[in-house]
Amino acid sequence: MDGVSYDAVPTEYLEPPMVVQQALGPRRPSGWVLAKAGGRGPGRGVVHAVDCGEAPAGAPVLTLDRALDAAQHPGTRLCSLCGAAAELDPVLKGFDQGFGGEA
């Protein structure tokens, strides 16, 4: 049978991924960015994850504390496309209920 032999192709074994990587999957870059929205008044904008397609290029990366501070301003929203809302909203509102569901 005519064909190509791959016997001469160098191969190497890859180390299996760590259990944590298998369970959690690939990690996205950490941090958030604030996209300023047009309009009047301070605090108007949208908080995005760093790797969100809607995040402005070259915007400074915010730490968790800075992202939470920005999110508390009236007129600022959390992006639901990239997960910023899913990540930051529970932190903003979850502790108001207390650990036993008590206010």
PDB file of N, CA and C in Angstrom:
ATOM      1  N   MET A   1       0.843  -1.171   0.000  1.00  0.00           N
ATOM      2  CA  MET A   1       0.000   0.000   0.000  1.00  0.00           C
ATOM      3  C   MET A   1       0.891   1.238   0.000  1.00  0.00           C
ATOM      4  N   ASP A   2       0.613   2.183  -0.859  1.00  0.00           N
ATOM      5  CA  ASP A   2       1.377   3.424  -0.913  1.00  0.00           C
ATOM      6  C   ASP A   2       0.851   4.380   0.135  1.00  0.00           C
ATOM      7  N   GLY A   3       1.745   5.144   0.699  1.00  0.00           N
ATOM      8  CA  GLY A   3       1.336   6.103   1.718  1.00  0.00           C
ATOM      9  C   GLY A   3       2.532   6.773   2.336  1.00  0.00           C
ATOM     10  N   VAL A   4       2.280   7.494   3.367  1.00  0.00           N
ATOM     11  CA  VAL A   4       3.327   8.233   4.056  1.00  0.00           C
ATOM     12  C   VAL A   4       3.577   7.569   5.397  1.00  0.00           C
ATOM     13  N   SER A   5       4.831   7.430   5.744  1.00  0.00           N
ATOM     14  CA  SER A   5       5.189   6.865   7.037  1.00  0.00           C
ATOM     15  C   SER A   5       5.499   8.002   8.011  1.00  0.00           C
ATOM     16  N   TYR A   6       4.928   7.942   9.164  1.00  0.00           N
ATOM     17  CA  TYR A   6       5.170   8.951  10.189  1.00  0.00           C
ATOM     18  C   TYR A   6       6.137   8.441  11.259  1.00  0.00           C
ATOM     19  N   ASP A   7       6.816   7.355  10.985  1.00  0.00           N
ATOM     20  CA  ASP A   7       7.730   6.769  11.953  1.00  0.00           C
ATOM     21  C   ASP A   7       8.891   7.689  12.314  1.00  0.00           C
ATOM     22  N   ALA A   8       9.306   8.575  11.405  1.00  0.00           N
ATOM     23  CA  ALA A   8      10.451   9.448  11.659  1.00  0.00           C
ATOM     24  C   ALA A   8      10.062  10.764  12.344  1.00  0.00           C
ATOM     25  N   VAL A   9       8.783  10.967  12.576  1.00  0.00           N
ATOM     26  CA  VAL A   9       8.331  12.209  13.220  1.00  0.00           C
ATOM     27  C   VAL A   9       8.640  12.138  14.706  1.00  0.00           C
ATOM     28  N   PRO A  10       9.393  13.145  15.229  1.00  0.00           N
ATOM     29  CA  PRO A  10       9.701  13.116  16.669  1.00  0.00           C
ATOM     30  C   PRO A  10       8.432  13.344  17.500  1.00  0.00           C
ATOM     31  N   THR A  11       8.332  12.620  18.562  1.00  0.00           N
ATOM     32  CA  THR A  11       7.183  12.770  19.464  1.00  0.00           C
ATOM     33  C   THR A  11       7.682  12.911  20.890  1.00  0.00           C
ATOM     34  N   GLU A  12       6.852  13.510  21.713  1.00  0.00           N
ATOM     35  CA  GLU A  12       7.158  13.591  23.137  1.00  0.00           C
ATOM     36  C   GLU A  12       5.840  13.536  23.902  1.00  0.00           C
ATOM     37  N   TYR A  13       5.902  12.979  25.065  1.00  0.00           N
ATOM     38  CA  TYR A  13       4.711  12.873  25.898  1.00  0.00           C
ATOM     39  C   TYR A  13       4.496  14.188  26.642  1.00  0.00           C
ATOM     40  N   LEU A  14       3.261  14.629  26.693  1.00  0.00           N
ATOM     41  CA  LEU A  14       2.898  15.818  27.455  1.00  0.00           C
ATOM     42  C   LEU A  14       2.477  15.400  28.850  1.00  0.00           C
ATOM     43  N   GLU A  15       2.833  16.228  29.817  1.00  0.00           N
ATOM     44  CA  GLU A  15       2.403  15.938  31.184  1.00  0.00           C
ATOM     45  C   GLU A  15       0.896  16.139  31.271  1.00  0.00           C
ATOM     46  N   PRO A  16       0.227  15.266  31.996  1.00  0.00           N
ATOM     47  CA  PRO A  16      -1.227  15.444  32.138  1.00  0.00           C
ATOM     48  C   PRO A  16      -1.518  16.729  32.914  1.00  0.00           C
ATOM     49  N   PRO A  17      -2.643  17.375  32.619  1.00  0.00           N
ATOM     50  CA  PRO A  17      -2.969  18.605  33.352  1.00  0.00           C
ATOM     51  C   PRO A  17      -3.216  18.311  34.830  1.00  0.00           C
ATOM     52  N   MET A  18      -2.945  19.312  35.648  1.00  0.00           N
ATOM     53  CA  MET A  18      -3.176  19.165  37.086  1.00  0.00           C
ATOM     54  C   MET A  18      -4.679  18.992  37.334  1.00  0.00           C
ATOM     55  N   VAL A  19      -5.017  18.365  38.427  1.00  0.00           N
ATOM     56  CA  VAL A  19      -6.411  18.112  38.771  1.00  0.00           C
ATOM     57  C   VAL A  19      -7.181  19.431  38.863  1.00  0.00           C
ATOM     58  N   VAL A  20      -6.557  20.458  39.410  1.00  0.00           N
ATOM     59  CA  VAL A  20      -7.221  21.761  39.539  1.00  0.00           C
ATOM     60  C   VAL A  20      -7.538  22.318  38.157  1.00  0.00           C
ATOM     61  N   GLN A  21      -6.601  22.205  37.216  1.00  0.00           N
ATOM     62  CA  GLN A  21      -6.844  22.701  35.862  1.00  0.00           C
ATOM     63  C   GLN A  21      -7.956  21.914  35.184  1.00  0.00           C
ATOM     64  N   GLN A  22      -8.003  20.624  35.436  1.00  0.00           N
ATOM     65  CA  GLN A  22      -9.065  19.809  34.851  1.00  0.00           C
ATOM     66  C   GLN A  22     -10.428  20.221  35.404  1.00  0.00           C
ATOM     67  N   ALA A  23     -10.497  20.493  36.692  1.00  0.00           N
ATOM     68  CA  ALA A  23     -11.767  20.831  37.327  1.00  0.00           C
ATOM     69  C   ALA A  23     -12.230  22.242  36.974  1.00  0.00           C
ATOM     70  N   LEU A  24     -11.301  23.195  36.987  1.00  0.00           N
ATOM     71  CA  LEU A  24     -11.680  24.589  36.784  1.00  0.00           C
ATOM     72  C   LEU A  24     -11.599  25.049  35.333  1.00  0.00           C
ATOM     73  N   GLY A  25     -10.809  24.357  34.522  1.00  0.00           N
ATOM     74  CA  GLY A  25     -10.634  24.783  33.140  1.00  0.00           C
ATOM     75  C   GLY A  25      -9.627  25.912  33.065  1.00  0.00           C
ATOM     76  N   PRO A  26      -9.467  26.467  31.876  1.00  0.00           N
ATOM     77  CA  PRO A  26      -8.484  27.548  31.722  1.00  0.00           C
ATOM     78  C   PRO A  26      -8.912  28.793  32.485  1.00  0.00           C
ATOM     79  N   ARG A  27      -7.932  29.483  33.028  1.00  0.00           N
ATOM     80  CA  ARG A  27      -8.212  30.701  33.786  1.00  0.00           C
ATOM     81  C   ARG A  27      -8.183  31.898  32.854  1.00  0.00           C
ATOM     82  N   ARG A  28      -9.056  32.833  33.102  1.00  0.00           N
ATOM     83  CA  ARG A  28      -9.014  34.067  32.339  1.00  0.00           C
ATOM     84  C   ARG A  28      -8.150  35.057  33.091  1.00  0.00           C
ATOM     85  N   PRO A  29      -7.665  36.077  32.422  1.00  0.00           N
ATOM     86  CA  PRO A  29      -6.859  37.082  33.113  1.00  0.00           C
ATOM     87  C   PRO A  29      -7.673  37.738  34.224  1.00  0.00           C
ATOM     88  N   SER A  30      -7.030  38.068  35.322  1.00  0.00           N
ATOM     89  CA  SER A  30      -7.755  38.678  36.436  1.00  0.00           C
ATOM     90  C   SER A  30      -7.837  40.182  36.268  1.00  0.00           C
ATOM     91  N   GLY A  31      -8.848  40.750  36.836  1.00  0.00           N
ATOM     92  CA  GLY A  31      -9.035  42.195  36.810  1.00  0.00           C
ATOM     93  C   GLY A  31     -10.248  42.597  35.998  1.00  0.00           C
ATOM     94  N   TRP A  32     -10.583  43.860  36.112  1.00  0.00           N
ATOM     95  CA  TRP A  32     -11.734  44.434  35.433  1.00  0.00           C
ATOM     96  C   TRP A  32     -11.334  45.781  34.865  1.00  0.00           C
ATOM     97  N   VAL A  33     -12.124  46.264  33.911  1.00  0.00           N
ATOM     98  CA  VAL A  33     -11.895  47.586  33.345  1.00  0.00           C
ATOM     99  C   VAL A  33     -13.219  48.330  33.320  1.00  0.00           C
ATOM    100  N   LEU A  34     -13.134  49.640  33.375  1.00  0.00           N
ATOM    101  CA  LEU A  34     -14.329  50.493  33.355  1.00  0.00           C
ATOM    102  C   LEU A  34     -14.389  51.188  32.008  1.00  0.00           C
ATOM    103  N   ALA A  35     -15.481  50.967  31.304  1.00  0.00           N
ATOM    104  CA  ALA A  35     -15.727  51.663  30.042  1.00  0.00           C
ATOM    105  C   ALA A  35     -16.591  52.866  30.363  1.00  0.00           C
ATOM    106  N   LYS A  36     -16.044  54.042  30.191  1.00  0.00           N
ATOM    107  CA  LYS A  36     -16.795  55.264  30.466  1.00  0.00           C
ATOM    108  C   LYS A  36     -17.888  55.425  29.421  1.00  0.00           C
ATOM    109  N   ALA A  37     -19.065  55.759  29.875  1.00  0.00           N
ATOM    110  CA  ALA A  37     -20.184  55.988  28.965  1.00  0.00           C
ATOM    111  C   ALA A  37     -20.367  57.489  28.796  1.00  0.00           C
ATOM    112  N   GLY A  38     -20.889  57.842  27.670  1.00  0.00           N
ATOM    113  CA  GLY A  38     -21.168  59.254  27.441  1.00  0.00           C
ATOM    114  C   GLY A  38     -22.282  59.727  28.361  1.00  0.00           C
ATOM    115  N   GLY A  39     -22.415  60.971  28.462  1.00  0.00           N
ATOM    116  CA  GLY A  39     -23.463  61.512  29.321  1.00  0.00           C
ATOM    117  C   GLY A  39     -22.876  62.358  30.419  1.00  0.00           C
ATOM    118  N   ARG A  40     -23.763  62.899  31.207  1.00  0.00           N
ATOM    119  CA  ARG A  40     -23.344  63.813  32.259  1.00  0.00           C
ATOM    120  C   ARG A  40     -23.262  63.103  33.591  1.00  0.00           C
ATOM    121  N   GLY A  41     -22.402  63.611  34.436  1.00  0.00           N
ATOM    122  CA  GLY A  41     -22.295  63.096  35.788  1.00  0.00           C
ATOM    123  C   GLY A  41     -21.202  62.063  35.948  1.00  0.00           C
ATOM    124  N   PRO A  42     -20.704  61.965  37.162  1.00  0.00           N
ATOM    125  CA  PRO A  42     -19.645  60.983  37.425  1.00  0.00           C
ATOM    126  C   PRO A  42     -20.211  59.573  37.546  1.00  0.00           C
ATOM    127  N   GLY A  43     -19.345  58.599  37.365  1.00  0.00           N
ATOM    128  CA  GLY A  43     -19.721  57.216  37.630  1.00  0.00           C
ATOM    129  C   GLY A  43     -20.560  56.568  36.564  1.00  0.00           C
ATOM    130  N   ARG A  44     -20.643  57.156  35.387  1.00  0.00           N
ATOM    131  CA  ARG A  44     -21.436  56.535  34.327  1.00  0.00           C
ATOM    132  C   ARG A  44     -20.521  55.648  33.501  1.00  0.00           C
ATOM    133  N   GLY A  45     -20.859  54.384  33.406  1.00  0.00           N
ATOM    134  CA  GLY A  45     -20.042  53.472  32.626  1.00  0.00           C
ATOM    135  C   GLY A  45     -20.448  52.035  32.841  1.00  0.00           C
ATOM    136  N   VAL A  46     -19.622  51.148  32.288  1.00  0.00           N
ATOM    137  CA  VAL A  46     -19.860  49.707  32.392  1.00  0.00           C
ATOM    138  C   VAL A  46     -18.565  49.046  32.838  1.00  0.00           C
ATOM    139  N   VAL A  47     -18.642  48.198  33.853  1.00  0.00           N
ATOM    140  CA  VAL A  47     -17.491  47.433  34.322  1.00  0.00           C
ATOM    141  C   VAL A  47     -17.468  46.111  33.558  1.00  0.00           C
ATOM    142  N   HIS A  48     -16.323  45.834  32.917  1.00  0.00           N
ATOM    143  CA  HIS A  48     -16.122  44.616  32.123  1.00  0.00           C
ATOM    144  C   HIS A  48     -14.981  43.803  32.711  1.00  0.00           C
ATOM    145  N   ALA A  49     -14.980  42.503  32.424  1.00  0.00           N
ATOM    146  CA  ALA A  49     -13.802  41.681  32.688  1.00  0.00           C
ATOM    147  C   ALA A  49     -12.712  42.108  31.710  1.00  0.00           C
ATOM    148  N   VAL A  50     -11.459  41.908  32.084  1.00  0.00           N
ATOM    149  CA  VAL A  50     -10.331  42.352  31.261  1.00  0.00           C
ATOM    150  C   VAL A  50     -10.410  41.793  29.843  1.00  0.00           C
ATOM    151  N   ASP A  51     -10.814  40.543  29.700  1.00  0.00           N
ATOM    152  CA  ASP A  51     -10.811  39.904  28.390  1.00  0.00           C
ATOM    153  C   ASP A  51     -12.144  39.992  27.650  1.00  0.00           C
ATOM    154  N   CYS A  52     -13.046  40.853  28.090  1.00  0.00           N
ATOM    155  CA  CYS A  52     -14.340  41.028  27.438  1.00  0.00           C
ATOM    156  C   CYS A  52     -14.136  41.707  26.082  1.00  0.00           C
ATOM    157  N   GLY A  53     -14.864  41.261  25.101  1.00  0.00           N
ATOM    158  CA  GLY A  53     -14.793  41.862  23.780  1.00  0.00           C
ATOM    159  C   GLY A  53     -15.304  43.291  23.749  1.00  0.00           C
ATOM    160  N   GLU A  54     -16.118  43.658  24.719  1.00  0.00           N
ATOM    161  CA  GLU A  54     -16.658  45.012  24.791  1.00  0.00           C
ATOM    162  C   GLU A  54     -15.795  45.950  25.627  1.00  0.00           C
ATOM    163  N   ALA A  55     -14.774  45.423  26.277  1.00  0.00           N
ATOM    164  CA  ALA A  55     -13.901  46.245  27.129  1.00  0.00           C
ATOM    165  C   ALA A  55     -13.055  47.168  26.253  1.00  0.00           C
ATOM    166  N   PRO A  56     -12.863  48.408  26.687  1.00  0.00           N
ATOM    167  CA  PRO A  56     -12.059  49.333  25.896  1.00  0.00           C
ATOM    168  C   PRO A  56     -10.581  48.939  25.911  1.00  0.00           C
ATOM    169  N   ALA A  57      -9.952  49.012  24.762  1.00  0.00           N
ATOM    170  CA  ALA A  57      -8.522  48.697  24.664  1.00  0.00           C
ATOM    171  C   ALA A  57      -7.713  49.771  25.377  1.00  0.00           C
ATOM    172  N   GLY A  58      -6.722  49.340  26.132  1.00  0.00           N
ATOM    173  CA  GLY A  58      -5.825  50.269  26.803  1.00  0.00           C
ATOM    174  C   GLY A  58      -6.361  50.871  28.089  1.00  0.00           C
ATOM    175  N   ALA A  59      -7.541  50.449  28.527  1.00  0.00           N
ATOM    176  CA  ALA A  59      -8.091  50.969  29.783  1.00  0.00           C
ATOM    177  C   ALA A  59      -7.300  50.399  30.948  1.00  0.00           C
ATOM    178  N   PRO A  60      -7.117  51.179  32.023  1.00  0.00           N
ATOM    179  CA  PRO A  60      -6.378  50.654  33.176  1.00  0.00           C
ATOM    180  C   PRO A  60      -7.131  49.486  33.825  1.00  0.00           C
ATOM    181  N   VAL A  61      -6.374  48.495  34.250  1.00  0.00           N
ATOM    182  CA  VAL A  61      -6.956  47.318  34.898  1.00  0.00           C
ATOM    183  C   VAL A  61      -7.259  47.669  36.351  1.00  0.00           C
ATOM    184  N   LEU A  62      -8.474  47.352  36.776  1.00  0.00           N
ATOM    185  CA  LEU A  62      -8.919  47.634  38.145  1.00  0.00           C
ATOM    186  C   LEU A  62      -8.772  46.389  39.008  1.00  0.00           C
ATOM    187  N   THR A  63      -8.384  46.589  40.248  1.00  0.00           N
ATOM    188  CA  THR A  63      -8.375  45.504  41.220  1.00  0.00           C
ATOM    189  C   THR A  63      -9.818  45.236  41.640  1.00  0.00           C
ATOM    190  N   LEU A  64     -10.020  44.204  42.423  1.00  0.00           N
ATOM    191  CA  LEU A  64     -11.359  43.891  42.906  1.00  0.00           C
ATOM    192  C   LEU A  64     -11.953  45.060  43.673  1.00  0.00           C
ATOM    193  N   ASP A  65     -11.192  45.636  44.594  1.00  0.00           N
ATOM    194  CA  ASP A  65     -11.712  46.755  45.387  1.00  0.00           C
ATOM    195  C   ASP A  65     -12.098  47.942  44.520  1.00  0.00           C
ATOM    196  N   ARG A  66     -11.260  48.278  43.537  1.00  0.00           N
ATOM    197  CA  ARG A  66     -11.550  49.407  42.650  1.00  0.00           C
ATOM    198  C   ARG A  66     -12.761  49.123  41.766  1.00  0.00           C
ATOM    199  N   ALA A  67     -12.893  47.871  41.296  1.00  0.00           N
ATOM    200  CA  ALA A  67     -14.044  47.499  40.476  1.00  0.00           C
ATOM    201  C   ALA A  67     -15.329  47.588  41.298  1.00  0.00           C
ATOM    202  N   LEU A  68     -15.281  47.145  42.546  1.00  0.00           N
ATOM    203  CA  LEU A  68     -16.460  47.239  43.414  1.00  0.00           C
ATOM    204  C   LEU A  68     -16.806  48.688  43.710  1.00  0.00           C
ATOM    205  N   ASP A  69     -15.796  49.521  43.938  1.00  0.00           N
ATOM    206  CA  ASP A  69     -16.044  50.955  44.160  1.00  0.00           C
ATOM    207  C   ASP A  69     -16.716  51.573  42.937  1.00  0.00           C
ATOM    208  N   ALA A  70     -16.200  51.255  41.750  1.00  0.00           N
ATOM    209  CA  ALA A  70     -16.774  51.805  40.519  1.00  0.00           C
ATOM    210  C   ALA A  70     -18.210  51.311  40.326  1.00  0.00           C
ATOM    211  N   ALA A  71     -18.466  50.042  40.647  1.00  0.00           N
ATOM    212  CA  ALA A  71     -19.788  49.455  40.448  1.00  0.00           C
ATOM    213  C   ALA A  71     -20.843  50.053  41.367  1.00  0.00           C
ATOM    214  N   GLN A  72     -20.428  50.653  42.467  1.00  0.00           N
ATOM    215  CA  GLN A  72     -21.390  51.224  43.416  1.00  0.00           C
ATOM    216  C   GLN A  72     -21.866  52.618  43.021  1.00  0.00           C
ATOM    217  N   HIS A  73     -21.217  53.227  42.028  1.00  0.00           N
ATOM    218  CA  HIS A  73     -21.644  54.559  41.593  1.00  0.00           C
ATOM    219  C   HIS A  73     -22.950  54.460  40.814  1.00  0.00           C
ATOM    220  N   PRO A  74     -23.878  55.391  41.082  1.00  0.00           N
ATOM    221  CA  PRO A  74     -25.116  55.404  40.296  1.00  0.00           C
ATOM    222  C   PRO A  74     -24.788  55.580  38.812  1.00  0.00           C
ATOM    223  N   GLY A  75     -25.481  54.859  37.973  1.00  0.00           N
ATOM    224  CA  GLY A  75     -25.263  54.959  36.541  1.00  0.00           C
ATOM    225  C   GLY A  75     -24.226  53.995  36.008  1.00  0.00           C
ATOM    226  N   THR A  76     -23.556  53.260  36.883  1.00  0.00           N
ATOM    227  CA  THR A  76     -22.561  52.279  36.440  1.00  0.00           C
ATOM    228  C   THR A  76     -23.211  50.907  36.435  1.00  0.00           C
ATOM    229  N   ARG A  77     -23.013  50.188  35.343  1.00  0.00           N
ATOM    230  CA  ARG A  77     -23.576  48.845  35.201  1.00  0.00           C
ATOM    231  C   ARG A  77     -22.448  47.814  35.180  1.00  0.00           C
ATOM    232  N   LEU A  78     -22.810  46.562  35.390  1.00  0.00           N
ATOM    233  CA  LEU A  78     -21.875  45.442  35.287  1.00  0.00           C
ATOM    234  C   LEU A  78     -22.218  44.669  34.025  1.00  0.00           C
ATOM    235  N   CYS A  79     -21.229  44.383  33.201  1.00  0.00           N
ATOM    236  CA  CYS A  79     -21.443  43.677  31.937  1.00  0.00           C
ATOM    237  C   CYS A  79     -21.913  42.246  32.217  1.00  0.00           C
ATOM    238  N   SER A  80     -22.994  41.860  31.572  1.00  0.00           N
ATOM    239  CA  SER A  80     -23.489  40.491  31.736  1.00  0.00           C
ATOM    240  C   SER A  80     -22.953  39.562  30.650  1.00  0.00           C
ATOM    241  N   LEU A  81     -22.358  40.123  29.594  1.00  0.00           N
ATOM    242  CA  LEU A  81     -21.820  39.297  28.514  1.00  0.00           C
ATOM    243  C   LEU A  81     -20.543  38.578  28.928  1.00  0.00           C
ATOM    244  N   CYS A  82     -19.689  39.260  29.685  1.00  0.00           N
ATOM    245  CA  CYS A  82     -18.384  38.688  30.022  1.00  0.00           C
ATOM    246  C   CYS A  82     -18.363  38.038  31.405  1.00  0.00           C
ATOM    247  N   GLY A  83     -19.375  38.200  32.178  1.00  0.00           N
ATOM    248  CA  GLY A  83     -19.397  37.592  33.500  1.00  0.00           C
ATOM    249  C   GLY A  83     -19.074  38.550  34.630  1.00  0.00           C
ATOM    250  N   ALA A  84     -18.791  39.819  34.318  1.00  0.00           N
ATOM    251  CA  ALA A  84     -18.502  40.770  35.391  1.00  0.00           C
ATOM    252  C   ALA A  84     -19.690  40.872  36.348  1.00  0.00           C
ATOM    253  N   ALA A  85     -20.900  40.844  35.802  1.00  0.00           N
ATOM    254  CA  ALA A  85     -22.087  40.917  36.655  1.00  0.00           C
ATOM    255  C   ALA A  85     -22.188  39.686  37.548  1.00  0.00           C
ATOM    256  N   ALA A  86     -21.949  38.512  36.973  1.00  0.00           N
ATOM    257  CA  ALA A  86     -22.040  37.269  37.752  1.00  0.00           C
ATOM    258  C   ALA A  86     -20.972  37.192  38.826  1.00  0.00           C
ATOM    259  N   GLU A  87     -19.808  37.799  38.576  1.00  0.00           N
ATOM    260  CA  GLU A  87     -18.711  37.736  39.538  1.00  0.00           C
ATOM    261  C   GLU A  87     -18.824  38.809  40.614  1.00  0.00           C
ATOM    262  N   LEU A  88     -19.203  40.008  40.237  1.00  0.00           N
ATOM    263  CA  LEU A  88     -19.164  41.134  41.176  1.00  0.00           C
ATOM    264  C   LEU A  88     -20.483  41.380  41.904  1.00  0.00           C
ATOM    265  N   ASP A  89     -21.611  41.085  41.264  1.00  0.00           N
ATOM    266  CA  ASP A  89     -22.909  41.366  41.888  1.00  0.00           C
ATOM    267  C   ASP A  89     -23.106  40.631  43.208  1.00  0.00           C
ATOM    268  N   PRO A  90     -22.755  39.335  43.301  1.00  0.00           N
ATOM    269  CA  PRO A  90     -22.919  38.666  44.602  1.00  0.00           C
ATOM    270  C   PRO A  90     -22.057  39.282  45.699  1.00  0.00           C
ATOM    271  N   VAL A  91     -20.899  39.780  45.329  1.00  0.00           N
ATOM    272  CA  VAL A  91     -20.034  40.412  46.329  1.00  0.00           C
ATOM    273  C   VAL A  91     -20.651  41.722  46.792  1.00  0.00           C
ATOM    274  N   LEU A  92     -21.248  42.457  45.856  1.00  0.00           N
ATOM    275  CA  LEU A  92     -21.874  43.728  46.209  1.00  0.00           C
ATOM    276  C   LEU A  92     -23.120  43.538  47.058  1.00  0.00           C
ATOM    277  N   LYS A  93     -23.929  42.524  46.749  1.00  0.00           N
ATOM    278  CA  LYS A  93     -25.228  42.365  47.405  1.00  0.00           C
ATOM    279  C   LYS A  93     -25.309  41.204  48.380  1.00  0.00           C
ATOM    280  N   GLY A  94     -24.432  40.212  48.209  1.00  0.00           N
ATOM    281  CA  GLY A  94     -24.542  38.988  48.989  1.00  0.00           C
ATOM    282  C   GLY A  94     -24.329  39.160  50.468  1.00  0.00           C
ATOM    283  N   PHE A  95     -23.462  40.076  50.853  1.00  0.00           N
ATOM    284  CA  PHE A  95     -23.159  40.226  52.267  1.00  0.00           C
ATOM    285  C   PHE A  95     -24.212  41.030  53.008  1.00  0.00           C
ATOM    286  N   ASP A  96     -25.122  41.677  52.273  1.00  0.00           N
ATOM    287  CA  ASP A  96     -26.212  42.406  52.927  1.00  0.00           C
ATOM    288  C   ASP A  96     -27.151  41.441  53.650  1.00  0.00           C
ATOM    289  N   GLN A  97     -27.234  40.197  53.166  1.00  0.00           N
ATOM    290  CA  GLN A  97     -28.138  39.221  53.735  1.00  0.00           C
ATOM    291  C   GLN A  97     -27.576  38.527  54.971  1.00  0.00           C
ATOM    292  N   GLY A  98     -26.306  38.626  55.212  1.00  0.00           N
ATOM    293  CA  GLY A  98     -25.694  37.911  56.330  1.00  0.00           C
ATOM    294  C   GLY A  98     -25.452  36.459  55.966  1.00  0.00           C
ATOM    295  N   PHE A  99     -24.758  35.751  56.807  1.00  0.00           N
ATOM    296  CA  PHE A  99     -24.415  34.375  56.490  1.00  0.00           C
ATOM    297  C   PHE A  99     -25.557  33.420  56.735  1.00  0.00           C
ATOM    298  N   GLY A 100     -26.482  33.758  57.583  1.00  0.00           N
ATOM    299  CA  GLY A 100     -27.628  32.890  57.865  1.00  0.00           C
ATOM    300  C   GLY A 100     -28.890  33.367  57.197  1.00  0.00           C
ATOM    301  N   GLY A 101     -28.773  34.266  56.213  1.00  0.00           N
ATOM    302  CA  GLY A 101     -29.956  34.807  55.556  1.00  0.00           C
ATOM    303  C   GLY A 101     -30.591  35.941  56.337  1.00  0.00           C
ATOM    304  N   GLU A 102     -29.906  36.401  57.396  1.00  0.00           N
ATOM    305  CA  GLU A 102     -30.450  37.466  58.215  1.00  0.00           C
ATOM    306  C   GLU A 102     -29.965  38.806  57.693  1.00  0.00           C
ATOM    307  N   ALA A 103     -30.835  39.793  57.724  1.00  0.00           N
ATOM    308  CA  ALA A 103     -30.462  41.140  57.263  1.00  0.00           C
ATOM    309  C   ALA A 103     -29.849  41.925  58.379  1.00  0.00           C
TER     310      ALA A 103
END
